[in-house]
Amino acid sequence: MVSHGAFAYTWDLVGDPAAAERFAALAIDTVTPQAAYHSVRATTAWHPAHGWAVGG
């Protein structure tokens, strides 16, 4: 059996009600949220509330 997983940043998941559906549509079986990471400025194009995330 083949399974597919993905890593996701917290800001990609919180406040996005469609995130779980999007992972399911991509046939992803497991999602590992990144609880801690170095500071970053990233685009979050799929998130409905923002296009940028600044963390750190």
C-alpha atoms as a PDB file:
ATOM      1  CA  MET A   1       0.000   0.000   0.000  1.00  0.00           C
ATOM      2  CA  VAL A   2       1.301   3.434  -0.906  1.00  0.00           C
ATOM      3  CA  SER A   3       0.479   6.412   1.270  1.00  0.00           C
ATOM      4  CA  HIS A   4       1.211  10.076   0.693  1.00  0.00           C
ATOM      5  CA  GLY A   5       2.033  12.639   3.336  1.00  0.00           C
ATOM      6  CA  ALA A   6       2.635  16.356   3.455  1.00  0.00           C
ATOM      7  CA  PHE A   7       4.179  18.900   5.786  1.00  0.00           C
ATOM      8  CA  ALA A   8       2.189  22.079   6.393  1.00  0.00           C
ATOM      9  CA  TYR A   9       2.932  25.254   8.271  1.00  0.00           C
ATOM     10  CA  THR A  10       0.474  26.272  10.957  1.00  0.00           C
ATOM     11  CA  TRP A  11      -0.457  29.469   9.105  1.00  0.00           C
ATOM     12  CA  ASP A  12      -1.507  27.354   6.122  1.00  0.00           C
ATOM     13  CA  LEU A  13      -4.068  25.502   8.238  1.00  0.00           C
ATOM     14  CA  VAL A  14      -5.446  27.868  10.894  1.00  0.00           C
ATOM     15  CA  GLY A  15      -8.366  29.900   9.568  1.00  0.00           C
ATOM     16  CA  ASP A  16      -8.647  27.986   6.298  1.00  0.00           C
ATOM     17  CA  PRO A  17     -11.792  25.851   6.419  1.00  0.00           C
ATOM     18  CA  ALA A  18     -10.987  24.265   3.032  1.00  0.00           C
ATOM     19  CA  ALA A  19      -7.485  23.046   3.985  1.00  0.00           C
ATOM     20  CA  ALA A  20      -8.560  19.489   4.872  1.00  0.00           C
ATOM     21  CA  GLU A  21     -10.610  19.164   1.696  1.00  0.00           C
ATOM     22  CA  ARG A  22      -7.677  20.388  -0.388  1.00  0.00           C
ATOM     23  CA  PHE A  23      -5.365  17.755   1.147  1.00  0.00           C
ATOM     24  CA  ALA A  24      -7.977  15.050   0.553  1.00  0.00           C
ATOM     25  CA  ALA A  25      -8.355  16.122  -3.090  1.00  0.00           C
ATOM     26  CA  LEU A  26      -4.604  15.648  -3.511  1.00  0.00           C
ATOM     27  CA  ALA A  27      -4.891  12.085  -2.106  1.00  0.00           C
ATOM     28  CA  ILE A  28      -2.742  12.982   0.910  1.00  0.00           C
ATOM     29  CA  ASP A  29      -3.231  10.526   3.778  1.00  0.00           C
ATOM     30  CA  THR A  30      -1.355  12.303   6.565  1.00  0.00           C
ATOM     31  CA  VAL A  31      -0.439  15.913   7.306  1.00  0.00           C
ATOM     32  CA  THR A  32       2.367  16.815   9.694  1.00  0.00           C
ATOM     33  CA  PRO A  33       2.021  20.385  10.994  1.00  0.00           C
ATOM     34  CA  GLN A  34       5.230  22.274  11.647  1.00  0.00           C
ATOM     35  CA  ALA A  35       4.872  23.546  15.211  1.00  0.00           C
ATOM     36  CA  ALA A  36       8.233  25.334  15.313  1.00  0.00           C
ATOM     37  CA  TYR A  37      10.421  26.644  12.559  1.00  0.00           C
ATOM     38  CA  HIS A  38      12.975  29.362  11.951  1.00  0.00           C
ATOM     39  CA  SER A  39      11.699  32.828  11.106  1.00  0.00           C
ATOM     40  CA  VAL A  40      10.366  33.106   7.584  1.00  0.00           C
ATOM     41  CA  ARG A  41       8.451  35.310   5.221  1.00  0.00           C
ATOM     42  CA  ALA A  42       6.395  33.153   2.900  1.00  0.00           C
ATOM     43  CA  THR A  43       3.601  33.349   0.384  1.00  0.00           C
ATOM     44  CA  THR A  44       0.471  31.440   1.320  1.00  0.00           C
ATOM     45  CA  ALA A  45      -1.419  31.642  -1.922  1.00  0.00           C
ATOM     46  CA  TRP A  46      -4.068  29.045  -1.045  1.00  0.00           C
ATOM     47  CA  HIS A  47      -5.107  30.597   2.278  1.00  0.00           C
ATOM     48  CA  PRO A  48      -8.355  32.572   1.940  1.00  0.00           C
ATOM     49  CA  ALA A  49      -7.515  35.282   4.486  1.00  0.00           C
ATOM     50  CA  HIS A  50      -3.955  36.258   3.614  1.00  0.00           C
ATOM     51  CA  GLY A  51      -1.340  35.984   0.915  1.00  0.00           C
ATOM     52  CA  TRP A  52       1.712  36.454   3.157  1.00  0.00           C
ATOM     53  CA  ALA A  53       2.805  34.979   6.464  1.00  0.00           C
ATOM     54  CA  VAL A  54       5.602  36.279   8.622  1.00  0.00           C
ATOM     55  CA  GLY A  55       6.771  33.972  11.374  1.00  0.00           C
ATOM     56  CA  GLY A  56       9.552  33.814  13.846  1.00  0.00           C
END
